[in-house]
PDB file of N, CA and C in Angstrom:
ATOM      1  N   UNK A   1     -13.558 -13.345  -1.879  1.00  0.00           N
ATOM      2  CA  UNK A   1     -12.449 -14.040  -1.246  1.00  0.00           C
ATOM      3  C   UNK A   1     -12.776 -14.198   0.239  1.00  0.00           C
ATOM      4  N   UNK A   2     -12.646 -15.399   0.723  1.00  0.00           N
ATOM      5  CA  UNK A   2     -12.929 -15.705   2.124  1.00  0.00           C
ATOM      6  C   UNK A   2     -11.709 -15.322   2.968  1.00  0.00           C
ATOM      7  N   UNK A   3     -11.917 -14.509   4.026  1.00  0.00           N
ATOM      8  CA  UNK A   3     -10.777 -14.119   4.869  1.00  0.00           C
ATOM      9  C   UNK A   3     -10.099 -15.327   5.499  1.00  0.00           C
ATOM     10  N   UNK A   4      -8.805 -15.252   5.634  1.00  0.00           N
ATOM     11  CA  UNK A   4      -8.040 -16.319   6.259  1.00  0.00           C
ATOM     12  C   UNK A   4      -6.634 -16.357   5.718  1.00  0.00           C
ATOM     13  N   UNK A   5      -5.841 -17.322   6.181  1.00  0.00           N
ATOM     14  CA  UNK A   5      -4.431 -17.384   5.782  1.00  0.00           C
ATOM     15  C   UNK A   5      -4.206 -17.452   4.272  1.00  0.00           C
ATOM     16  N   UNK A   6      -5.029 -18.222   3.572  1.00  0.00           N
ATOM     17  CA  UNK A   6      -4.865 -18.327   2.120  1.00  0.00           C
ATOM     18  C   UNK A   6      -5.119 -17.005   1.422  1.00  0.00           C
ATOM     19  N   UNK A   7      -6.207 -16.348   1.790  1.00  0.00           N
ATOM     20  CA  UNK A   7      -6.498 -15.064   1.157  1.00  0.00           C
ATOM     21  C   UNK A   7      -5.521 -13.990   1.629  1.00  0.00           C
ATOM     22  N   UNK A   8      -5.075 -14.072   2.871  1.00  0.00           N
ATOM     23  CA  UNK A   8      -4.072 -13.123   3.359  1.00  0.00           C
ATOM     24  C   UNK A   8      -2.809 -13.187   2.511  1.00  0.00           C
ATOM     25  N   UNK A   9      -2.376 -14.388   2.183  1.00  0.00           N
ATOM     26  CA  UNK A   9      -1.160 -14.546   1.382  1.00  0.00           C
ATOM     27  C   UNK A   9      -1.323 -13.904   0.010  1.00  0.00           C
ATOM     28  N   UNK A  10      -2.474 -14.101  -0.613  1.00  0.00           N
ATOM     29  CA  UNK A  10      -2.746 -13.513  -1.923  1.00  0.00           C
ATOM     30  C   UNK A  10      -2.778 -11.990  -1.818  1.00  0.00           C
ATOM     31  N   UNK A  11      -3.469 -11.477  -0.822  1.00  0.00           N
ATOM     32  CA  UNK A  11      -3.584 -10.025  -0.648  1.00  0.00           C
ATOM     33  C   UNK A  11      -2.228  -9.387  -0.348  1.00  0.00           C
ATOM     34  N   UNK A  12      -1.450 -10.022   0.498  1.00  0.00           N
ATOM     35  CA  UNK A  12      -0.128  -9.484   0.838  1.00  0.00           C
ATOM     36  C   UNK A  12       0.796  -9.470  -0.382  1.00  0.00           C
ATOM     37  N   UNK A  13       0.725 -10.508  -1.185  1.00  0.00           N
ATOM     38  CA  UNK A  13       1.520 -10.537  -2.414  1.00  0.00           C
ATOM     39  C   UNK A  13       1.083  -9.401  -3.330  1.00  0.00           C
ATOM     40  N   UNK A  14      -0.197  -9.208  -3.444  1.00  0.00           N
ATOM     41  CA  UNK A  14      -0.734  -8.128  -4.274  1.00  0.00           C
ATOM     42  C   UNK A  14      -0.280  -6.764  -3.750  1.00  0.00           C
ATOM     43  N   UNK A  15      -0.318  -6.575  -2.454  1.00  0.00           N
ATOM     44  CA  UNK A  15       0.127  -5.309  -1.852  1.00  0.00           C
ATOM     45  C   UNK A  15       1.609  -5.075  -2.126  1.00  0.00           C
ATOM     46  N   UNK A  16       2.385  -6.121  -1.995  1.00  0.00           N
ATOM     47  CA  UNK A  16       3.816  -6.023  -2.256  1.00  0.00           C
ATOM     48  C   UNK A  16       4.081  -5.647  -3.711  1.00  0.00           C
ATOM     49  N   UNK A  17       3.307  -6.224  -4.619  1.00  0.00           N
ATOM     50  CA  UNK A  17       3.452  -5.896  -6.036  1.00  0.00           C
ATOM     51  C   UNK A  17       3.109  -4.434  -6.300  1.00  0.00           C
ATOM     52  N   UNK A  18       2.097  -3.911  -5.625  1.00  0.00           N
ATOM     53  CA  UNK A  18       1.750  -2.491  -5.768  1.00  0.00           C
ATOM     54  C   UNK A  18       2.912  -1.604  -5.323  1.00  0.00           C
ATOM     55  N   UNK A  19       3.522  -1.947  -4.215  1.00  0.00           N
ATOM     56  CA  UNK A  19       4.671  -1.177  -3.730  1.00  0.00           C
ATOM     57  C   UNK A  19       5.823  -1.269  -4.724  1.00  0.00           C
ATOM     58  N   UNK A  20       6.067  -2.442  -5.269  1.00  0.00           N
ATOM     59  CA  UNK A  20       7.124  -2.608  -6.269  1.00  0.00           C
ATOM     60  C   UNK A  20       6.869  -1.724  -7.490  1.00  0.00           C
ATOM     61  N   UNK A  21       5.617  -1.668  -7.929  1.00  0.00           N
ATOM     62  CA  UNK A  21       5.285  -0.817  -9.074  1.00  0.00           C
ATOM     63  C   UNK A  21       5.523   0.658  -8.760  1.00  0.00           C
ATOM     64  N   UNK A  22       5.112   1.074  -7.580  1.00  0.00           N
ATOM     65  CA  UNK A  22       5.324   2.474  -7.184  1.00  0.00           C
ATOM     66  C   UNK A  22       6.815   2.796  -7.186  1.00  0.00           C
ATOM     67  N   UNK A  23       7.606   1.889  -6.659  1.00  0.00           N
ATOM     68  CA  UNK A  23       9.057   2.098  -6.656  1.00  0.00           C
ATOM     69  C   UNK A  23       9.595   2.164  -8.083  1.00  0.00           C
ATOM     70  N   UNK A  24       9.092   1.311  -8.939  1.00  0.00           N
ATOM     71  CA  UNK A  24       9.525   1.310 -10.341  1.00  0.00           C
ATOM     72  C   UNK A  24       9.149   2.632 -11.019  1.00  0.00           C
ATOM     73  N   UNK A  25       7.918   3.068 -10.831  1.00  0.00           N
ATOM     74  CA  UNK A  25       7.442   4.273 -11.505  1.00  0.00           C
ATOM     75  C   UNK A  25       8.176   5.527 -11.033  1.00  0.00           C
ATOM     76  N   UNK A  26       8.475   5.593  -9.751  1.00  0.00           N
ATOM     77  CA  UNK A  26       9.089   6.811  -9.212  1.00  0.00           C
ATOM     78  C   UNK A  26      10.610   6.735  -9.183  1.00  0.00           C
ATOM     79  N   UNK A  27      11.143   5.542  -9.116  1.00  0.00           N
ATOM     80  CA  UNK A  27      12.593   5.326  -8.961  1.00  0.00           C
ATOM     81  C   UNK A  27      13.127   6.129  -7.772  1.00  0.00           C
ATOM     82  N   UNK A  28      12.261   6.365  -6.783  1.00  0.00           N
ATOM     83  CA  UNK A  28      12.678   7.109  -5.596  1.00  0.00           C
ATOM     84  C   UNK A  28      12.995   8.572  -5.866  1.00  0.00           C
ATOM     85  N   UNK A  29      12.537   9.088  -6.989  1.00  0.00           N
ATOM     86  CA  UNK A  29      12.894  10.431  -7.439  1.00  0.00           C
ATOM     87  C   UNK A  29      11.670  11.354  -7.395  1.00  0.00           C
ATOM     88  N   UNK A  30      11.690  12.257  -6.461  1.00  0.00           N
ATOM     89  CA  UNK A  30      10.568  13.187  -6.293  1.00  0.00           C
ATOM     90  C   UNK A  30      10.337  14.012  -7.560  1.00  0.00           C
ATOM     91  N   UNK A  31      11.404  14.459  -8.200  1.00  0.00           N
ATOM     92  CA  UNK A  31      11.276  15.268  -9.408  1.00  0.00           C
ATOM     93  C   UNK A  31      10.566  14.482 -10.515  1.00  0.00           C
ATOM     94  N   UNK A  32      10.927  13.229 -10.638  1.00  0.00           N
ATOM     95  CA  UNK A  32      10.275  12.362 -11.625  1.00  0.00           C
ATOM     96  C   UNK A  32       8.785  12.254 -11.338  1.00  0.00           C
ATOM     97  N   UNK A  33       8.447  12.075 -10.077  1.00  0.00           N
ATOM     98  CA  UNK A  33       7.053  11.978  -9.661  1.00  0.00           C
ATOM     99  C   UNK A  33       6.306  13.285  -9.942  1.00  0.00           C
ATOM    100  N   UNK A  34       6.877  14.402  -9.536  1.00  0.00           N
ATOM    101  CA  UNK A  34       6.207  15.695  -9.689  1.00  0.00           C
ATOM    102  C   UNK A  34       6.082  16.130 -11.146  1.00  0.00           C
ATOM    103  N   UNK A  35       7.002  15.691 -11.997  1.00  0.00           N
ATOM    104  CA  UNK A  35       7.033  16.150 -13.385  1.00  0.00           C
ATOM    105  C   UNK A  35       6.060  15.406 -14.300  1.00  0.00           C
ATOM    106  N   UNK A  36       5.523  14.293 -13.843  1.00  0.00           N
ATOM    107  CA  UNK A  36       4.712  13.473 -14.738  1.00  0.00           C
ATOM    108  C   UNK A  36       3.344  13.147 -14.143  1.00  0.00           C
ATOM    109  N   UNK A  37       2.305  13.630 -14.786  1.00  0.00           N
ATOM    110  CA  UNK A  37       0.955  13.271 -14.341  1.00  0.00           C
ATOM    111  C   UNK A  37       0.707  11.777 -14.536  1.00  0.00           C
ATOM    112  N   UNK A  38       1.347  11.210 -15.540  1.00  0.00           N
ATOM    113  CA  UNK A  38       1.216   9.780 -15.774  1.00  0.00           C
ATOM    114  C   UNK A  38       1.764   8.990 -14.584  1.00  0.00           C
ATOM    115  N   UNK A  39       2.935   9.371 -14.103  1.00  0.00           N
ATOM    116  CA  UNK A  39       3.530   8.718 -12.933  1.00  0.00           C
ATOM    117  C   UNK A  39       2.656   8.961 -11.708  1.00  0.00           C
ATOM    118  N   UNK A  40       2.188  10.183 -11.529  1.00  0.00           N
ATOM    119  CA  UNK A  40       1.322  10.499 -10.392  1.00  0.00           C
ATOM    120  C   UNK A  40       0.069   9.625 -10.412  1.00  0.00           C
ATOM    121  N   UNK A  41      -0.563   9.533 -11.581  1.00  0.00           N
ATOM    122  CA  UNK A  41      -1.773   8.713 -11.699  1.00  0.00           C
ATOM    123  C   UNK A  41      -1.480   7.241 -11.413  1.00  0.00           C
ATOM    124  N   UNK A  42      -0.364   6.742 -11.932  1.00  0.00           N
ATOM    125  CA  UNK A  42      -0.001   5.342 -11.707  1.00  0.00           C
ATOM    126  C   UNK A  42       0.277   5.077 -10.233  1.00  0.00           C
ATOM    127  N   UNK A  43       0.964   5.998  -9.588  1.00  0.00           N
ATOM    128  CA  UNK A  43       1.254   5.853  -8.158  1.00  0.00           C
ATOM    129  C   UNK A  43      -0.040   5.870  -7.354  1.00  0.00           C
ATOM    130  N   UNK A  44      -0.911   6.836  -7.641  1.00  0.00           N
ATOM    131  CA  UNK A  44      -2.163   6.922  -6.878  1.00  0.00           C
ATOM    132  C   UNK A  44      -3.040   5.697  -7.111  1.00  0.00           C
ATOM    133  N   UNK A  45      -3.053   5.175  -8.313  1.00  0.00           N
ATOM    134  CA  UNK A  45      -3.838   3.974  -8.584  1.00  0.00           C
ATOM    135  C   UNK A  45      -3.304   2.789  -7.791  1.00  0.00           C
ATOM    136  N   UNK A  46      -1.999   2.650  -7.734  1.00  0.00           N
ATOM    137  CA  UNK A  46      -1.420   1.545  -6.965  1.00  0.00           C
ATOM    138  C   UNK A  46      -1.602   1.743  -5.474  1.00  0.00           C
ATOM    139  N   UNK A  47      -1.560   2.979  -5.005  1.00  0.00           N
ATOM    140  CA  UNK A  47      -1.852   3.237  -3.589  1.00  0.00           C
ATOM    141  C   UNK A  47      -3.298   2.872  -3.281  1.00  0.00           C
ATOM    142  N   UNK A  48      -4.202   3.210  -4.183  1.00  0.00           N
ATOM    143  CA  UNK A  48      -5.604   2.864  -3.995  1.00  0.00           C
ATOM    144  C   UNK A  48      -5.782   1.349  -3.925  1.00  0.00           C
ATOM    145  N   UNK A  49      -5.166   0.649  -4.856  1.00  0.00           N
ATOM    146  CA  UNK A  49      -5.273  -0.811  -4.894  1.00  0.00           C
ATOM    147  C   UNK A  49      -4.670  -1.436  -3.641  1.00  0.00           C
ATOM    148  N   UNK A  50      -3.519  -0.916  -3.234  1.00  0.00           N
ATOM    149  CA  UNK A  50      -2.845  -1.407  -2.033  1.00  0.00           C
ATOM    150  C   UNK A  50      -3.728  -1.232  -0.795  1.00  0.00           C
ATOM    151  N   UNK A  51      -4.317  -0.050  -0.660  1.00  0.00           N
ATOM    152  CA  UNK A  51      -5.143   0.201   0.523  1.00  0.00           C
ATOM    153  C   UNK A  51      -6.439  -0.599   0.480  1.00  0.00           C
ATOM    154  N   UNK A  52      -6.985  -0.816  -0.715  1.00  0.00           N
ATOM    155  CA  UNK A  52      -8.166  -1.682  -0.844  1.00  0.00           C
ATOM    156  C   UNK A  52      -7.842  -3.086  -0.348  1.00  0.00           C
ATOM    157  N   UNK A  53      -6.690  -3.600  -0.758  1.00  0.00           N
ATOM    158  CA  UNK A  53      -6.288  -4.936  -0.326  1.00  0.00           C
ATOM    159  C   UNK A  53      -6.070  -4.991   1.178  1.00  0.00           C
ATOM    160  N   UNK A  54      -5.526  -3.924   1.743  1.00  0.00           N
ATOM    161  CA  UNK A  54      -5.272  -3.909   3.196  1.00  0.00           C
ATOM    162  C   UNK A  54      -6.564  -4.042   3.989  1.00  0.00           C
ATOM    163  N   UNK A  55      -7.655  -3.529   3.445  1.00  0.00           N
ATOM    164  CA  UNK A  55      -8.944  -3.625   4.127  1.00  0.00           C
ATOM    165  C   UNK A  55      -9.454  -5.053   4.202  1.00  0.00           C
ATOM    166  N   UNK A  56      -9.009  -5.885   3.288  1.00  0.00           N
ATOM    167  CA  UNK A  56      -9.508  -7.247   3.201  1.00  0.00           C
ATOM    168  C   UNK A  56      -8.656  -8.260   3.971  1.00  0.00           C
ATOM    169  N   UNK A  57      -7.534  -7.806   4.506  1.00  0.00           N
ATOM    170  CA  UNK A  57      -6.708  -8.701   5.324  1.00  0.00           C
ATOM    171  C   UNK A  57      -7.465  -9.117   6.578  1.00  0.00           C
ATOM    172  N   UNK A  58      -7.178 -10.304   7.052  1.00  0.00           N
ATOM    173  CA  UNK A  58      -7.814 -10.771   8.288  1.00  0.00           C
ATOM    174  C   UNK A  58      -7.291  -9.969   9.478  1.00  0.00           C
ATOM    175  N   UNK A  59      -8.125  -9.843  10.480  1.00  0.00           N
ATOM    176  CA  UNK A  59      -7.709  -9.150  11.705  1.00  0.00           C
ATOM    177  C   UNK A  59      -6.522  -9.849  12.355  1.00  0.00           C
ATOM    178  N   UNK A  60      -6.470 -11.177  12.228  1.00  0.00           N
ATOM    179  CA  UNK A  60      -5.380 -11.909  12.877  1.00  0.00           C
ATOM    180  C   UNK A  60      -4.029 -11.591  12.245  1.00  0.00           C
ATOM    181  N   UNK A  61      -3.966 -11.448  10.925  1.00  0.00           N
ATOM    182  CA  UNK A  61      -2.676 -11.114  10.306  1.00  0.00           C
ATOM    183  C   UNK A  61      -2.321  -9.658  10.590  1.00  0.00           C
ATOM    184  N   UNK A  62      -3.310  -8.776  10.582  1.00  0.00           N
ATOM    185  CA  UNK A  62      -3.031  -7.368  10.898  1.00  0.00           C
ATOM    186  C   UNK A  62      -2.517  -7.222  12.325  1.00  0.00           C
ATOM    187  N   UNK A  63      -3.003  -8.049  13.216  1.00  0.00           N
ATOM    188  CA  UNK A  63      -2.572  -7.981  14.618  1.00  0.00           C
ATOM    189  C   UNK A  63      -1.096  -8.321  14.785  1.00  0.00           C
ATOM    190  N   UNK A  64      -0.510  -9.006  13.802  1.00  0.00           N
ATOM    191  CA  UNK A  64       0.912  -9.350  13.897  1.00  0.00           C
ATOM    192  C   UNK A  64       1.808  -8.138  13.642  1.00  0.00           C
ATOM    193  N   UNK A  65       1.234  -7.076  13.103  1.00  0.00           N
ATOM    194  CA  UNK A  65       1.983  -5.840  12.820  1.00  0.00           C
ATOM    195  C   UNK A  65       1.205  -4.648  13.372  1.00  0.00           C
ATOM    196  N   UNK A  66       1.124  -4.554  14.700  1.00  0.00           N
ATOM    197  CA  UNK A  66       0.298  -3.508  15.308  1.00  0.00           C
ATOM    198  C   UNK A  66       0.807  -2.088  15.067  1.00  0.00           C
ATOM    199  N   UNK A  67       2.073  -1.932  14.688  1.00  0.00           N
ATOM    200  CA  UNK A  67       2.605  -0.601  14.433  1.00  0.00           C
ATOM    201  C   UNK A  67       2.121  -0.022  13.099  1.00  0.00           C
ATOM    202  N   UNK A  68       1.573  -0.865  12.239  1.00  0.00           N
ATOM    203  CA  UNK A  68       1.038  -0.380  10.963  1.00  0.00           C
ATOM    204  C   UNK A  68      -0.278   0.334  11.256  1.00  0.00           C
ATOM    205  N   UNK A  69      -0.433   1.541  10.769  1.00  0.00           N
ATOM    206  CA  UNK A  69      -1.667   2.297  11.023  1.00  0.00           C
ATOM    207  C   UNK A  69      -2.795   1.860  10.083  1.00  0.00           C
ATOM    208  N   UNK A  70      -3.359   0.702  10.338  1.00  0.00           N
ATOM    209  CA  UNK A  70      -4.350   0.110   9.450  1.00  0.00           C
ATOM    210  C   UNK A  70      -5.535   1.039   9.199  1.00  0.00           C
ATOM    211  N   UNK A  71      -6.031   1.681  10.234  1.00  0.00           N
ATOM    212  CA  UNK A  71      -7.181   2.582  10.062  1.00  0.00           C
ATOM    213  C   UNK A  71      -6.816   3.789   9.199  1.00  0.00           C
ATOM    214  N   UNK A  72      -5.598   4.274   9.359  1.00  0.00           N
ATOM    215  CA  UNK A  72      -5.159   5.411   8.550  1.00  0.00           C
ATOM    216  C   UNK A  72      -5.034   5.024   7.082  1.00  0.00           C
ATOM    217  N   UNK A  73      -4.675   3.770   6.811  1.00  0.00           N
ATOM    218  CA  UNK A  73      -4.630   3.298   5.422  1.00  0.00           C
ATOM    219  C   UNK A  73      -6.011   3.393   4.783  1.00  0.00           C
ATOM    220  N   UNK A  74      -7.028   3.009   5.542  1.00  0.00           N
ATOM    221  CA  UNK A  74      -8.397   3.111   5.039  1.00  0.00           C
ATOM    222  C   UNK A  74      -8.745   4.580   4.790  1.00  0.00           C
ATOM    223  N   UNK A  75      -8.373   5.439   5.711  1.00  0.00           N
ATOM    224  CA  UNK A  75      -8.643   6.864   5.544  1.00  0.00           C
ATOM    225  C   UNK A  75      -7.935   7.431   4.325  1.00  0.00           C
ATOM    226  N   UNK A  76      -6.697   7.012   4.109  1.00  0.00           N
ATOM    227  CA  UNK A  76      -5.950   7.481   2.954  1.00  0.00           C
ATOM    228  C   UNK A  76      -6.609   6.990   1.668  1.00  0.00           C
ATOM    229  N   UNK A  77      -7.074   5.764   1.677  1.00  0.00           N
ATOM    230  CA  UNK A  77      -7.790   5.215   0.523  1.00  0.00           C
ATOM    231  C   UNK A  77      -9.010   6.067   0.209  1.00  0.00           C
ATOM    232  N   UNK A  78      -9.749   6.458   1.224  1.00  0.00           N
ATOM    233  CA  UNK A  78     -10.934   7.275   1.005  1.00  0.00           C
ATOM    234  C   UNK A  78     -10.582   8.635   0.406  1.00  0.00           C
ATOM    235  N   UNK A  79      -9.473   9.213   0.834  1.00  0.00           N
ATOM    236  CA  UNK A  79      -9.024  10.482   0.262  1.00  0.00           C
ATOM    237  C   UNK A  79      -8.712  10.307  -1.220  1.00  0.00           C
ATOM    238  N   UNK A  80      -8.001   9.244  -1.551  1.00  0.00           N
ATOM    239  CA  UNK A  80      -7.630   8.999  -2.948  1.00  0.00           C
ATOM    240  C   UNK A  80      -8.873   8.760  -3.798  1.00  0.00           C
ATOM    241  N   UNK A  81      -9.777   7.937  -3.294  1.00  0.00           N
ATOM    242  CA  UNK A  81     -10.953   7.558  -4.082  1.00  0.00           C
ATOM    243  C   UNK A  81     -11.964   8.699  -4.182  1.00  0.00           C
ATOM    244  N   UNK A  82     -12.195   9.403  -3.093  1.00  0.00           N
ATOM    245  CA  UNK A  82     -13.273  10.387  -3.067  1.00  0.00           C
ATOM    246  C   UNK A  82     -12.800  11.832  -3.155  1.00  0.00           C
ATOM    247  N   UNK A  83     -11.513  12.064  -2.987  1.00  0.00           N
ATOM    248  CA  UNK A  83     -11.024  13.431  -2.995  1.00  0.00           C
ATOM    249  C   UNK A  83     -10.161  13.754  -4.180  1.00  0.00           C
ATOM    250  N   UNK A  84     -10.459  13.106  -5.297  1.00  0.00           N
ATOM    251  CA  UNK A  84      -9.579  13.214  -6.457  1.00  0.00           C
ATOM    252  C   UNK A  84      -9.382  14.636  -6.966  1.00  0.00           C
ATOM    253  N   UNK A  85     -10.327  15.528  -6.726  1.00  0.00           N
ATOM    254  CA  UNK A  85     -10.151  16.910  -7.179  1.00  0.00           C
ATOM    255  C   UNK A  85      -9.252  17.706  -6.244  1.00  0.00           C
ATOM    256  N   UNK A  86      -9.051  17.196  -5.056  1.00  0.00           N
ATOM    257  CA  UNK A  86      -8.265  17.942  -4.090  1.00  0.00           C
ATOM    258  C   UNK A  86      -7.086  17.186  -3.525  1.00  0.00           C
ATOM    259  N   UNK A  87      -6.552  16.247  -4.287  1.00  0.00           N
ATOM    260  CA  UNK A  87      -5.428  15.453  -3.790  1.00  0.00           C
ATOM    261  C   UNK A  87      -4.165  16.301  -3.799  1.00  0.00           C
ATOM    262  N   UNK A  88      -3.476  16.270  -2.686  1.00  0.00           N
ATOM    263  CA  UNK A  88      -2.233  17.011  -2.510  1.00  0.00           C
ATOM    264  C   UNK A  88      -1.077  16.113  -2.948  1.00  0.00           C
ATOM    265  N   UNK A  89      -0.486  16.440  -4.085  1.00  0.00           N
ATOM    266  CA  UNK A  89       0.590  15.623  -4.648  1.00  0.00           C
ATOM    267  C   UNK A  89       1.787  15.557  -3.697  1.00  0.00           C
ATOM    268  N   UNK A  90       2.049  16.643  -2.990  1.00  0.00           N
ATOM    269  CA  UNK A  90       3.158  16.623  -2.020  1.00  0.00           C
ATOM    270  C   UNK A  90       2.885  15.624  -0.905  1.00  0.00           C
ATOM    271  N   UNK A  91       1.635  15.568  -0.454  1.00  0.00           N
ATOM    272  CA  UNK A  91       1.272  14.610   0.593  1.00  0.00           C
ATOM    273  C   UNK A  91       1.394  13.177   0.075  1.00  0.00           C
ATOM    274  N   UNK A  92       1.014  12.950  -1.169  1.00  0.00           N
ATOM    275  CA  UNK A  92       1.154  11.622  -1.761  1.00  0.00           C
ATOM    276  C   UNK A  92       2.629  11.238  -1.812  1.00  0.00           C
ATOM    277  N   UNK A  93       3.484  12.193  -2.216  1.00  0.00           N
ATOM    278  CA  UNK A  93       4.916  11.889  -2.260  1.00  0.00           C
ATOM    279  C   UNK A  93       5.442  11.538  -0.869  1.00  0.00           C
ATOM    280  N   UNK A  94       4.997  12.252   0.149  1.00  0.00           N
ATOM    281  CA  UNK A  94       5.448  11.944   1.510  1.00  0.00           C
ATOM    282  C   UNK A  94       5.054  10.528   1.913  1.00  0.00           C
ATOM    283  N   UNK A  95       3.878  10.100   1.489  1.00  0.00           N
ATOM    284  CA  UNK A  95       3.458   8.718   1.759  1.00  0.00           C
ATOM    285  C   UNK A  95       4.419   7.751   1.073  1.00  0.00           C
ATOM    286  N   UNK A  96       4.727   8.036  -0.183  1.00  0.00           N
ATOM    287  CA  UNK A  96       5.643   7.169  -0.942  1.00  0.00           C
ATOM    288  C   UNK A  96       7.014   7.129  -0.278  1.00  0.00           C
ATOM    289  N   UNK A  97       7.498   8.282   0.108  1.00  0.00           N
ATOM    290  CA  UNK A  97       8.858   8.393   0.640  1.00  0.00           C
ATOM    291  C   UNK A  97       8.986   7.897   2.079  1.00  0.00           C
ATOM    292  N   UNK A  98       8.020   8.244   2.924  1.00  0.00           N
ATOM    293  CA  UNK A  98       8.141   7.966   4.363  1.00  0.00           C
ATOM    294  C   UNK A  98       7.349   6.746   4.839  1.00  0.00           C
ATOM    295  N   UNK A  99       6.169   6.543   4.288  1.00  0.00           N
ATOM    296  CA  UNK A  99       5.282   5.501   4.819  1.00  0.00           C
ATOM    297  C   UNK A  99       5.414   4.154   4.115  1.00  0.00           C
ATOM    298  N   UNK A 100       5.742   4.173   2.822  1.00  0.00           N
ATOM    299  CA  UNK A 100       5.833   2.888   2.117  1.00  0.00           C
ATOM    300  C   UNK A 100       6.984   2.004   2.576  1.00  0.00           C
ATOM    301  N   UNK A 101       8.182   2.542   2.853  1.00  0.00           N
ATOM    302  CA  UNK A 101       9.256   1.629   3.285  1.00  0.00           C
ATOM    303  C   UNK A 101       8.921   0.801   4.530  1.00  0.00           C
ATOM    304  N   UNK A 102       8.394   1.418   5.613  1.00  0.00           N
ATOM    305  CA  UNK A 102       8.050   0.563   6.757  1.00  0.00           C
ATOM    306  C   UNK A 102       6.866  -0.361   6.471  1.00  0.00           C
ATOM    307  N   UNK A 103       5.931   0.085   5.633  1.00  0.00           N
ATOM    308  CA  UNK A 103       4.815  -0.791   5.271  1.00  0.00           C
ATOM    309  C   UNK A 103       5.326  -1.977   4.456  1.00  0.00           C
ATOM    310  N   UNK A 104       6.243  -1.725   3.527  1.00  0.00           N
ATOM    311  CA  UNK A 104       6.819  -2.810   2.730  1.00  0.00           C
ATOM    312  C   UNK A 104       7.517  -3.826   3.630  1.00  0.00           C
ATOM    313  N   UNK A 105       8.233  -3.347   4.630  1.00  0.00           N
ATOM    314  CA  UNK A 105       8.917  -4.251   5.564  1.00  0.00           C
ATOM    315  C   UNK A 105       7.902  -5.074   6.358  1.00  0.00           C
ATOM    316  N   UNK A 106       6.824  -4.432   6.796  1.00  0.00           N
ATOM    317  CA  UNK A 106       5.785  -5.151   7.541  1.00  0.00           C
ATOM    318  C   UNK A 106       5.125  -6.207   6.659  1.00  0.00           C
ATOM    319  N   UNK A 107       4.852  -5.841   5.417  1.00  0.00           N
ATOM    320  CA  UNK A 107       4.242  -6.800   4.490  1.00  0.00           C
ATOM    321  C   UNK A 107       5.171  -7.991   4.265  1.00  0.00           C
ATOM    322  N   UNK A 108       6.460  -7.731   4.118  1.00  0.00           N
ATOM    323  CA  UNK A 108       7.421  -8.831   3.939  1.00  0.00           C
ATOM    324  C   UNK A 108       7.407  -9.773   5.145  1.00  0.00           C
ATOM    325  N   UNK A 109       7.326  -9.207   6.342  1.00  0.00           N
ATOM    326  CA  UNK A 109       7.263 -10.062   7.544  1.00  0.00           C
ATOM    327  C   UNK A 109       5.968 -10.870   7.568  1.00  0.00           C
ATOM    328  N   UNK A 110       4.859 -10.251   7.166  1.00  0.00           N
ATOM    329  CA  UNK A 110       3.582 -10.964   7.149  1.00  0.00           C
ATOM    330  C   UNK A 110       3.588 -12.060   6.090  1.00  0.00           C
ATOM    331  N   UNK A 111       4.193 -11.785   4.937  1.00  0.00           N
ATOM    332  CA  UNK A 111       4.319 -12.815   3.902  1.00  0.00           C
ATOM    333  C   UNK A 111       5.103 -14.001   4.448  1.00  0.00           C
ATOM    334  N   UNK A 112       6.206 -13.718   5.145  1.00  0.00           N
ATOM    335  CA  UNK A 112       7.003 -14.792   5.728  1.00  0.00           C
ATOM    336  C   UNK A 112       6.171 -15.602   6.728  1.00  0.00           C
ATOM    337  N   UNK A 113       5.371 -14.915   7.530  1.00  0.00           N
ATOM    338  CA  UNK A 113       4.524 -15.631   8.502  1.00  0.00           C
ATOM    339  C   UNK A 113       3.504 -16.525   7.791  1.00  0.00           C
ATOM    340  N   UNK A 114       2.877 -15.983   6.750  1.00  0.00           N
ATOM    341  CA  UNK A 114       1.849 -16.793   6.074  1.00  0.00           C
ATOM    342  C   UNK A 114       2.481 -17.968   5.343  1.00  0.00           C
ATOM    343  N   UNK A 115       3.706 -17.817   4.855  1.00  0.00           N
ATOM    344  CA  UNK A 115       4.349 -18.939   4.175  1.00  0.00           C
ATOM    345  C   UNK A 115       4.721 -20.039   5.158  1.00  0.00           C
ATOM    346  N   UNK A 116       4.987 -19.671   6.413  1.00  0.00           N
ATOM    347  CA  UNK A 116       5.285 -20.681   7.444  1.00  0.00           C
ATOM    348  C   UNK A 116       4.039 -21.420   7.888  1.00  0.00           C
ATOM    349  N   UNK A 117       2.861 -20.792   7.700  1.00  0.00           N
ATOM    350  CA  UNK A 117       1.603 -21.422   8.104  1.00  0.00           C
ATOM    351  C   UNK A 117       1.153 -22.479   7.118  1.00  0.00           C
ATOM    352  N   UNK A 118       1.658 -22.410   5.874  1.00  0.00           N
ATOM    353  CA  UNK A 118       1.233 -23.374   4.836  1.00  0.00           C
ATOM    354  C   UNK A 118       1.762 -24.748   5.073  1.00  0.00           C
TER     355      UNK A 118
END
């Protein structure tokens, strides 16, 4: 995929869908998340996919949301991908609970920007 507004729109939609799936799987319920390895695996897979997509966004679209910790997203992706034997489920839940809502809002704003560019 060639970086730019067209690919940014596709990637942002994909990221938004990952967040929607995480919300669906957890229903915002920590107990549900902690009680099911299936839910944990599904959440971590969607977090991995989301962070992979974030790496492919253009620098220009990322610059529109400077408060998003883009580098930390890459670092979190590396933990998920390479640290699978030592993943802290509590830390993953904190990401879901605290970090996804502002990221979802930022993605929605970026989607709106890319739709205005078309």
